[in-house]
C-alpha atoms as a PDB file:
ATOM      1  CA  UNK A   1       5.184-126.274 -68.830  1.00  0.00           C
ATOM      2  CA  UNK A   2       5.554-124.908 -72.354  1.00  0.00           C
ATOM      3  CA  UNK A   3       8.929-124.749 -71.005  1.00  0.00           C
ATOM      4  CA  UNK A   4       9.745-128.768 -71.052  1.00  0.00           C
ATOM      5  CA  UNK A   5       7.298-129.091 -73.206  1.00  0.00           C
ATOM      6  CA  UNK A   6       9.184-127.255 -76.241  1.00  0.00           C
ATOM      7  CA  UNK A   7      12.698-129.479 -74.533  1.00  0.00           C
ATOM      8  CA  UNK A   8      10.927-131.689 -74.437  1.00  0.00           C
ATOM      9  CA  UNK A   9       9.335-132.176 -78.356  1.00  0.00           C
ATOM     10  CA  UNK A  10      13.097-130.951 -78.703  1.00  0.00           C
ATOM     11  CA  UNK A  11      15.324-133.280 -77.645  1.00  0.00           C
ATOM     12  CA  UNK A  12      12.653-135.813 -79.749  1.00  0.00           C
ATOM     13  CA  UNK A  13      13.520-134.813 -83.341  1.00  0.00           C
ATOM     14  CA  UNK A  14      17.285-134.619 -82.934  1.00  0.00           C
ATOM     15  CA  UNK A  15      17.148-137.817 -80.955  1.00  0.00           C
ATOM     16  CA  UNK A  16      15.112-139.217 -84.408  1.00  0.00           C
ATOM     17  CA  UNK A  17      17.391-137.016 -86.202  1.00  0.00           C
ATOM     18  CA  UNK A  18      20.920-138.688 -85.201  1.00  0.00           C
ATOM     19  CA  UNK A  19      18.627-142.357 -85.996  1.00  0.00           C
ATOM     20  CA  UNK A  20      17.867-141.003 -88.866  1.00  0.00           C
ATOM     21  CA  UNK A  21      21.883-140.140 -89.704  1.00  0.00           C
ATOM     22  CA  UNK A  22      22.825-143.649 -88.337  1.00  0.00           C
ATOM     23  CA  UNK A  23      21.069-145.658 -91.154  1.00  0.00           C
ATOM     24  CA  UNK A  24      21.918-143.282 -93.406  1.00  0.00           C
ATOM     25  CA  UNK A  25      26.365-143.609 -92.735  1.00  0.00           C
ATOM     26  CA  UNK A  26      25.861-147.808 -92.855  1.00  0.00           C
ATOM     27  CA  UNK A  27      23.697-147.871 -95.936  1.00  0.00           C
ATOM     28  CA  UNK A  28      25.917-144.580 -97.639  1.00  0.00           C
ATOM     29  CA  UNK A  29      27.455-145.491-100.546  1.00  0.00           C
ATOM     30  CA  UNK A  30      30.070-144.068-100.952  1.00  0.00           C
ATOM     31  CA  UNK A  31      32.842-142.128 -98.075  1.00  0.00           C
ATOM     32  CA  UNK A  32      32.627-138.921 -98.684  1.00  0.00           C
ATOM     33  CA  UNK A  33      28.076-139.277 -97.768  1.00  0.00           C
ATOM     34  CA  UNK A  34      29.143-141.369 -94.641  1.00  0.00           C
ATOM     35  CA  UNK A  35      31.927-138.178 -93.904  1.00  0.00           C
ATOM     36  CA  UNK A  36      29.269-136.692 -94.584  1.00  0.00           C
ATOM     37  CA  UNK A  37      27.137-138.398 -91.693  1.00  0.00           C
ATOM     38  CA  UNK A  38      28.890-138.777 -89.350  1.00  0.00           C
ATOM     39  CA  UNK A  39      29.397-134.743 -88.810  1.00  0.00           C
ATOM     40  CA  UNK A  40      25.351-134.117 -88.660  1.00  0.00           C
ATOM     41  CA  UNK A  41      25.641-136.164 -86.252  1.00  0.00           C
ATOM     42  CA  UNK A  42      28.422-134.018 -84.645  1.00  0.00           C
ATOM     43  CA  UNK A  43      26.013-131.530 -84.862  1.00  0.00           C
ATOM     44  CA  UNK A  44      23.078-133.772 -83.499  1.00  0.00           C
ATOM     45  CA  UNK A  45      25.272-134.885 -80.352  1.00  0.00           C
ATOM     46  CA  UNK A  46      25.787-131.249 -79.950  1.00  0.00           C
ATOM     47  CA  UNK A  47      21.667-129.752 -79.987  1.00  0.00           C
ATOM     48  CA  UNK A  48      21.184-132.709 -78.023  1.00  0.00           C
ATOM     49  CA  UNK A  49      23.905-132.242 -74.868  1.00  0.00           C
ATOM     50  CA  UNK A  50      22.611-128.112 -75.317  1.00  0.00           C
ATOM     51  CA  UNK A  51      18.875-129.319 -75.008  1.00  0.00           C
ATOM     52  CA  UNK A  52      19.826-131.020 -72.210  1.00  0.00           C
ATOM     53  CA  UNK A  53      22.316-128.791 -70.103  1.00  0.00           C
ATOM     54  CA  UNK A  54      19.164-126.531 -70.781  1.00  0.00           C
ATOM     55  CA  UNK A  55      16.615-129.122 -68.926  1.00  0.00           C
ATOM     56  CA  UNK A  56      18.433-130.121 -65.477  1.00  0.00           C
ATOM     57  CA  UNK A  57      19.860-126.841 -65.538  1.00  0.00           C
ATOM     58  CA  UNK A  58      23.164-128.234 -65.638  1.00  0.00           C
ATOM     59  CA  UNK A  59      25.926-125.636 -67.508  1.00  0.00           C
ATOM     60  CA  UNK A  60      28.584-129.296 -67.237  1.00  0.00           C
ATOM     61  CA  UNK A  61      26.419-130.301 -71.178  1.00  0.00           C
ATOM     62  CA  UNK A  62      27.271-126.732 -72.336  1.00  0.00           C
ATOM     63  CA  UNK A  63      31.208-127.474 -71.751  1.00  0.00           C
ATOM     64  CA  UNK A  64      30.515-131.140 -73.253  1.00  0.00           C
ATOM     65  CA  UNK A  65      29.397-129.576 -76.086  1.00  0.00           C
ATOM     66  CA  UNK A  66      31.895-127.233 -76.892  1.00  0.00           C
ATOM     67  CA  UNK A  67      34.926-129.853 -76.851  1.00  0.00           C
ATOM     68  CA  UNK A  68      32.497-132.021 -78.735  1.00  0.00           C
ATOM     69  CA  UNK A  69      31.856-129.132 -81.830  1.00  0.00           C
ATOM     70  CA  UNK A  70      36.038-128.276 -80.869  1.00  0.00           C
ATOM     71  CA  UNK A  71      37.237-132.097 -81.874  1.00  0.00           C
ATOM     72  CA  UNK A  72      34.168-132.920 -84.428  1.00  0.00           C
ATOM     73  CA  UNK A  73      35.213-130.398 -86.908  1.00  0.00           C
ATOM     74  CA  UNK A  74      39.099-131.273 -86.243  1.00  0.00           C
ATOM     75  CA  UNK A  75      38.372-134.067 -87.509  1.00  0.00           C
ATOM     76  CA  UNK A  76      36.125-133.812 -90.047  1.00  0.00           C
ATOM     77  CA  UNK A  77      38.199-131.131 -91.185  1.00  0.00           C
ATOM     78  CA  UNK A  78      41.643-133.921 -91.233  1.00  0.00           C
ATOM     79  CA  UNK A  79      39.613-136.448 -92.832  1.00  0.00           C
ATOM     80  CA  UNK A  80      38.101-134.501 -95.593  1.00  0.00           C
ATOM     81  CA  UNK A  81      42.517-132.929 -96.241  1.00  0.00           C
ATOM     82  CA  UNK A  82      42.706-137.160 -96.481  1.00  0.00           C
ATOM     83  CA  UNK A  83      41.074-138.675 -98.707  1.00  0.00           C
ATOM     84  CA  UNK A  84      42.454-135.640-101.183  1.00  0.00           C
ATOM     85  CA  UNK A  85      45.595-136.102-100.976  1.00  0.00           C
ATOM     86  CA  UNK A  86      45.886-139.169 -99.140  1.00  0.00           C
ATOM     87  CA  UNK A  87      47.678-137.721 -95.877  1.00  0.00           C
ATOM     88  CA  UNK A  88      47.228-136.035 -93.067  1.00  0.00           C
ATOM     89  CA  UNK A  89      51.030-133.761 -91.799  1.00  0.00           C
ATOM     90  CA  UNK A  90      52.213-133.217 -95.142  1.00  0.00           C
END
C-alpha cells in the first residue's frame, strides 16, 4: 500500500520535472542552457524508467534505463565538445 503510493508520487514528481524541463528547453536563451535541459531530461527519463520498472516488476525497464544513460552521457559529451571545438573527431 505505502510502496504503491510512494511510487505513484515519485512518478508524478518526475513527470512534472520532465514537463518543466521541456518548457525550459523551448524558452532557454542560449544553446548551453538547452544542453543542460536535455541532460536533465535524460536523468528524468532514466528515473521514470526505473520507477515504472519497480511498479510493474519488469527488469526490462532497468536495462533500457542503463542503455539510455549510456547514450545520454555520450551524446551530451559529444555535443559539448562540438560546441567548444567545432568538431567531434580530431
